[in-house]
N, C-alpha and C. Protein backbone atom coordinates (compact mmCIF):
# COMPACT_ATOMS: atom_id res chain seq x y z
N UNK A 1 1.08 -1.39 -0.14
CA UNK A 1 0.26 0.09 -0.06
C UNK A 1 0.46 1.33 0.09
N UNK A 2 0.37 2.21 -1.22
CA UNK A 2 1.33 3.47 -0.86
C UNK A 2 1.11 4.03 0.31
N UNK A 3 1.78 5.14 0.83
CA UNK A 3 1.38 5.67 1.63
C UNK A 3 0.96 7.13 1.13
N UNK A 4 -0.53 7.76 1.60
CA UNK A 4 -1.10 8.94 1.05
C UNK A 4 -0.73 10.04 2.09
N UNK A 5 0.31 11.18 1.02
CA UNK A 5 -0.44 12.09 1.57
C UNK A 5 -0.52 13.06 1.68
N UNK A 6 -0.35 13.93 3.01
CA UNK A 6 -1.32 15.34 3.08
C UNK A 6 -0.67 16.98 2.99
N UNK A 7 -1.65 17.78 2.63
CA UNK A 7 -1.28 19.30 3.05
C UNK A 7 -0.69 19.42 4.45
N UNK A 8 -1.01 18.24 5.41
CA UNK A 8 -1.13 18.57 6.92
C UNK A 8 0.47 18.40 7.28
N UNK A 9 0.74 17.31 6.41
CA UNK A 9 1.78 16.58 6.64
C UNK A 9 3.17 16.66 6.74
N UNK A 10 3.84 16.40 7.78
CA UNK A 10 5.19 17.23 8.28
C UNK A 10 6.45 16.44 7.35
N UNK A 11 6.95 18.23 6.78
CA UNK A 11 7.92 17.61 6.30
C UNK A 11 9.14 17.03 7.33
N UNK A 12 10.72 16.39 6.28
CA UNK A 12 11.49 16.29 7.38
C UNK A 12 11.75 17.49 7.84
N UNK A 13 12.33 18.49 7.32
CA UNK A 13 13.25 19.49 7.81
C UNK A 13 12.20 19.32 9.60
N UNK A 14 10.56 19.64 8.84
CA UNK A 14 10.04 19.93 10.43
C UNK A 14 10.21 19.18 11.63
N UNK A 15 10.06 17.85 10.73
CA UNK A 15 10.15 16.80 11.68
C UNK A 15 11.47 16.22 12.26
N UNK A 16 13.03 16.70 12.31
CA UNK A 16 13.48 16.42 12.55
C UNK A 16 13.97 18.09 13.70
N UNK A 17 13.25 19.23 13.82
CA UNK A 17 13.13 19.80 14.90
C UNK A 17 12.28 19.25 15.83
N UNK A 18 11.02 18.27 15.94
CA UNK A 18 9.94 17.76 16.64
C UNK A 18 10.72 16.44 16.80
N UNK A 19 10.98 15.78 16.73
CA UNK A 19 11.37 14.52 17.05
C UNK A 19 12.98 14.62 18.10
N UNK A 20 13.60 15.72 18.55
CA UNK A 20 14.21 15.28 19.79
C UNK A 20 13.58 16.18 21.29
N UNK A 21 12.19 16.43 20.43
CA UNK A 21 11.13 17.02 21.69
C UNK A 21 10.48 15.58 22.08
N UNK A 22 9.78 14.91 21.56
CA UNK A 22 9.89 13.63 21.68
C UNK A 22 9.84 12.56 23.44
N UNK A 23 8.93 12.35 24.02
CA UNK A 23 9.32 11.87 25.18
C UNK A 23 10.12 10.14 24.29
N UNK A 24 11.16 9.87 25.36
CA UNK A 24 11.50 8.37 24.78
C UNK A 24 10.26 7.12 25.61
N UNK A 25 10.22 5.75 24.10
CA UNK A 25 9.88 5.25 24.75
C UNK A 25 10.39 4.26 25.80
N UNK A 26 8.96 3.50 26.76
CA UNK A 26 9.60 3.05 27.70
C UNK A 26 10.91 1.89 27.70
N UNK A 27 10.92 1.11 26.72
CA UNK A 27 11.89 0.49 26.71
C UNK A 27 13.17 1.23 26.10
N UNK A 28 13.28 2.37 25.78
CA UNK A 28 14.64 3.24 26.15
C UNK A 28 15.18 3.16 27.41
N UNK A 29 13.77 3.15 28.08
CA UNK A 29 14.63 3.92 29.42
C UNK A 29 14.20 2.52 30.58
N UNK A 30 13.37 1.63 30.94
CA UNK A 30 13.33 1.21 31.80
C UNK A 30 12.79 0.09 30.93
N UNK A 31 12.62 -1.39 31.54
CA UNK A 31 11.73 -2.51 30.93
C UNK A 31 10.53 -2.30 30.36
N UNK A 32 10.52 -2.45 29.20
CA UNK A 32 9.06 -2.52 28.57
C UNK A 32 9.08 -2.97 27.07
N UNK A 33 7.68 -2.77 26.74
CA UNK A 33 7.21 -3.19 25.23
C UNK A 33 8.26 -2.66 24.49
N UNK A 34 8.70 -2.70 23.13
CA UNK A 34 9.16 -2.03 22.16
C UNK A 34 7.50 -0.89 21.39
N UNK A 35 7.89 0.38 21.18
CA UNK A 35 7.05 1.02 20.32
C UNK A 35 6.89 0.43 18.66
N UNK A 36 5.91 0.58 18.74
CA UNK A 36 5.37 0.09 17.18
C UNK A 36 4.80 0.83 16.26
N UNK A 37 4.03 1.97 17.24
CA UNK A 37 4.06 2.58 15.89
C UNK A 37 4.79 3.79 15.82
N UNK A 38 4.60 4.36 14.62
CA UNK A 38 5.56 5.38 13.41
C UNK A 38 4.54 7.00 14.62
N UNK A 39 5.46 7.77 15.63
CA UNK A 39 5.63 8.83 16.47
C UNK A 39 5.47 9.66 15.05
N UNK A 40 6.31 9.43 13.89
CA UNK A 40 5.63 10.75 12.70
C UNK A 40 4.28 10.84 12.03
N UNK A 41 3.81 9.23 11.82
CA UNK A 41 2.37 9.06 11.05
C UNK A 41 1.36 10.02 12.68
N UNK A 42 1.40 9.90 13.57
CA UNK A 42 0.96 10.03 15.03
C UNK A 42 0.86 11.47 14.98
N UNK A 43 2.08 12.26 14.62
CA UNK A 43 2.24 14.08 14.83
C UNK A 43 1.28 13.93 13.62
N UNK A 44 1.84 13.57 12.46
CA UNK A 44 0.68 13.85 11.42
C UNK A 44 -0.53 13.71 11.43
N UNK A 45 -0.58 13.12 12.73
CA UNK A 45 -2.68 12.77 12.39
C UNK A 45 -2.82 13.65 13.06
N UNK A 46 -2.22 14.23 13.95
CA UNK A 46 -2.87 15.29 14.81
C UNK A 46 -2.57 16.56 14.18
N UNK A 47 -1.83 16.82 13.43
CA UNK A 47 -2.05 18.21 12.41
C UNK A 47 -2.71 17.84 11.48
N UNK A 48 -3.19 16.50 11.57
CA UNK A 48 -4.50 16.93 10.23
C UNK A 48 -5.53 17.32 10.88
N UNK A 49 -5.82 16.53 12.11
CA UNK A 49 -7.11 16.61 13.10
C UNK A 49 -6.67 18.20 13.16
N UNK A 50 -5.87 19.07 13.84
CA UNK A 50 -5.58 20.03 14.11
C UNK A 50 -6.54 21.18 12.72
N UNK A 51 -5.75 20.74 11.56
CA UNK A 51 -5.89 21.73 10.66
C UNK A 51 -7.24 21.54 10.27
N UNK A 52 -7.54 20.09 10.12
CA UNK A 52 -8.92 19.59 9.14
C UNK A 52 -10.62 20.36 10.35
N UNK A 53 -9.89 19.98 11.57
CA UNK A 53 -11.13 20.13 12.59
C UNK A 53 -12.20 19.05 13.03
N UNK A 54 -11.89 18.05 12.04
CA UNK A 54 -12.47 16.99 11.47
C UNK A 54 -12.76 15.85 13.63
N UNK A 55 -13.37 15.14 13.74
CA UNK A 55 -13.75 14.87 15.10
C UNK A 55 -12.11 12.84 15.52
N UNK A 56 -11.98 12.77 15.97
CA UNK A 56 -10.93 11.45 16.01
C UNK A 56 -11.18 10.94 15.30
N UNK A 57 -12.36 9.98 15.54
CA UNK A 57 -12.82 8.59 15.03
C UNK A 57 -13.28 8.87 13.97
N UNK A 58 -13.47 10.23 12.52
CA UNK A 58 -13.14 9.92 11.39
C UNK A 58 -11.81 10.42 10.71
N UNK A 59 -10.51 10.42 11.34
CA UNK A 59 -9.76 10.32 10.83
C UNK A 59 -9.38 8.97 9.95
N UNK A 60 -8.90 9.73 8.63
CA UNK A 60 -8.46 8.46 7.66
C UNK A 60 -7.61 6.83 7.75
N UNK A 61 -7.90 6.48 7.24
CA UNK A 61 -7.12 5.20 7.70
C UNK A 61 -5.86 5.32 7.11
N UNK A 62 -5.60 5.65 6.57
CA UNK A 62 -3.89 6.13 6.08
C UNK A 62 -3.33 6.45 7.27
N UNK A 63 -4.07 6.36 8.79
CA UNK A 63 -3.20 7.53 9.99
C UNK A 63 -3.04 5.92 10.51
N UNK A 64 -2.08 6.20 12.13
CA UNK A 64 -2.20 5.31 12.75
C UNK A 64 -3.86 4.92 13.56
N UNK A 65 -4.64 4.73 14.37
CA UNK A 65 -6.13 4.76 14.68
C UNK A 65 -6.25 5.32 15.69
N UNK A 66 -7.12 5.58 15.88
CA UNK A 66 -7.77 7.49 16.33
C UNK A 66 -7.23 6.88 17.40
N UNK A 67 -7.56 6.11 18.00
CA UNK A 67 -6.86 5.58 19.93
C UNK A 67 -5.65 5.73 19.74
N UNK A 68 -5.29 5.24 19.33
CA UNK A 68 -3.49 5.09 19.81
C UNK A 68 -3.33 6.94 19.45
N UNK A 69 -3.82 7.67 18.13
CA UNK A 69 -3.55 9.20 18.27
C UNK A 69 -4.16 10.36 19.13
N UNK A 70 -5.41 9.84 19.56
CA UNK A 70 -5.53 10.71 21.04
C UNK A 70 -4.70 10.32 22.17
N UNK A 71 -4.70 8.70 22.23
CA UNK A 71 -3.81 8.69 24.08
C UNK A 71 -1.68 9.06 23.43
N UNK A 72 -1.79 9.67 22.15
CA UNK A 72 -0.42 10.16 22.04
C UNK A 72 -0.95 11.36 22.78
N UNK A 73 -1.57 12.60 22.07
CA UNK A 73 -1.95 13.35 22.20
C UNK A 73 -2.24 13.82 23.37
N UNK A 74 -3.06 13.10 24.16
CA UNK A 74 -3.02 13.42 25.44
C UNK A 74 -1.43 13.65 26.38
N UNK A 75 -0.94 12.19 26.37
CA UNK A 75 0.32 12.14 27.12
C UNK A 75 0.73 13.58 26.82
N UNK A 76 1.28 13.72 25.36
CA UNK A 76 2.05 14.86 25.06
C UNK A 76 1.33 16.62 25.90
N UNK A 77 0.23 16.06 25.45
CA UNK A 77 -0.08 17.80 26.07
C UNK A 77 -0.35 17.70 27.48
N UNK A 78 -0.06 16.84 27.98
CA UNK A 78 0.08 16.13 29.67
C UNK A 78 1.20 16.74 30.40
N UNK A 79 2.62 16.16 28.99
CA UNK A 79 3.75 16.45 29.65
C UNK A 79 4.13 17.43 29.11
N UNK A 80 3.39 18.70 28.49
CA UNK A 80 3.89 20.21 27.90
C UNK A 80 4.89 19.49 26.80
N UNK A 81 4.67 19.10 26.08
CA UNK A 81 5.55 18.71 24.79
C UNK A 81 4.77 19.87 23.89
N UNK A 82 3.72 19.87 23.84
CA UNK A 82 2.93 20.97 22.58
C UNK A 82 3.61 21.91 22.69
N UNK A 83 3.07 22.88 23.68
CA UNK A 83 4.32 23.98 24.71
C UNK A 83 5.81 24.15 24.08
N UNK A 84 6.51 22.69 24.51
CA UNK A 84 8.16 22.85 23.96
C UNK A 84 7.95 22.85 22.55
N UNK A 85 7.41 21.62 21.84
CA UNK A 85 7.14 22.19 20.09
C UNK A 85 7.28 23.93 19.45
N UNK A 86 6.41 24.24 19.70
CA UNK A 86 5.70 25.63 19.35
C UNK A 86 6.80 26.59 20.13
N UNK A 87 7.51 26.22 20.45
CA UNK A 87 8.40 27.18 21.33
C UNK A 87 10.25 27.17 20.44
N UNK A 88 10.14 26.05 20.03
CA UNK A 88 11.12 25.70 19.46
C UNK A 88 11.18 25.77 17.84
N UNK A 89 9.89 25.28 17.05
CA UNK A 89 9.54 26.04 15.84
C UNK A 89 9.69 27.60 15.99
N UNK A 90 8.95 28.09 16.89
CA UNK A 90 9.18 29.89 16.89
C UNK A 90 10.61 29.60 16.81
N UNK A 91 11.23 29.27 17.81
CA UNK A 91 12.74 30.41 17.59
C UNK A 91 13.37 29.43 16.07
N UNK A 92 13.30 27.79 16.01
CA UNK A 92 13.77 28.44 14.40
C UNK A 92 13.26 28.75 13.80
N UNK A 93 11.58 29.54 13.29
CA UNK A 93 11.44 30.60 12.33
C UNK A 93 12.45 31.89 12.64
N UNK A 94 12.76 32.40 14.06
CA UNK A 94 13.08 33.70 13.71
C UNK A 94 14.55 33.77 13.31
N UNK A 95 15.05 32.84 13.26
CA UNK A 95 16.67 32.47 13.15
C UNK A 95 16.97 32.69 12.07
N UNK A 96 16.14 32.50 10.82
CA UNK A 96 16.00 32.49 9.40
C UNK A 96 15.62 33.60 9.03
N UNK A 97 16.87 34.35 8.33
CA UNK A 97 16.60 36.29 7.67
C UNK A 97 15.38 36.32 7.43
N UNK A 98 15.07 37.38 7.04
CA UNK A 98 14.11 37.70 6.65
C UNK A 98 13.35 38.58 5.45
N UNK A 99 12.94 38.42 4.26
CA UNK A 99 13.17 38.76 3.34
C UNK A 99 12.78 40.38 3.66
N UNK A 100 13.82 41.65 2.60
CA UNK A 100 13.04 43.00 3.19
C UNK A 100 11.57 43.30 2.30
N UNK A 101 11.32 43.66 3.18
CA UNK A 101 10.13 44.97 2.80
C UNK A 101 10.23 45.19 1.48
N UNK A 102 9.33 44.90 0.57
CA UNK A 102 9.76 45.55 -0.76
C UNK A 102 8.57 47.39 -0.22
N UNK A 103 9.84 48.68 -0.69
CA UNK A 103 8.86 49.48 -0.42
C UNK A 103 7.95 50.65 -1.19
N UNK A 104 7.26 50.94 -0.55
CA UNK A 104 6.02 50.96 -1.54
C UNK A 104 6.08 52.28 -2.17
N UNK A 105 5.86 52.31 -3.57
CA UNK A 105 5.81 53.46 -4.51
C UNK A 105 5.86 55.08 -3.93
N UNK A 106 6.70 55.72 -4.41
CA UNK A 106 6.85 57.61 -4.01
C UNK A 106 5.67 57.58 -4.84
N UNK A 107 5.02 58.60 -4.48
CA UNK A 107 3.96 58.90 -5.46
C UNK A 107 4.80 60.58 -6.62
N UNK A 108 5.84 60.71 -6.05
CA UNK A 108 6.68 61.52 -7.10
C UNK A 108 7.22 61.07 -8.24
N UNK A 109 7.87 59.16 -8.62
CA UNK A 109 8.21 58.54 -9.40
C UNK A 109 7.42 57.84 -9.47
N UNK A 110 6.13 57.62 -9.74
CA UNK A 110 4.77 57.33 -10.45
C UNK A 110 4.35 58.32 -11.43
N UNK A 111 4.63 57.55 -12.79
CA UNK A 111 4.72 58.14 -14.41
C UNK A 111 2.77 57.78 -14.08
N UNK A 112 1.96 59.29 -14.65
CA UNK A 112 0.27 58.89 -15.19
C UNK A 112 0.27 58.39 -16.09
């Protein structure tokens, strides 16, 4: 099955900013089961819901199950991950140089 892409999907560059902020899997810190879900797909699903405003149960089948996506959203909300993501993305955007604003045309230089 080919993976369908949506306009709300994260780019590789955006994911590289978000990926370090995600909490580690339990199997990485203590004994536990390995994570079986792709966190990038979960993140894309959450972005899809935020962008479209659809209900969790109407999430397209291309994404992980709505119950899984909602569980990660709640966990990340409680841990403050969304605030960290927002701050990091804002920091990255502020580092980029801005294009100079074009000067408004001067009334004296406009030939009528």
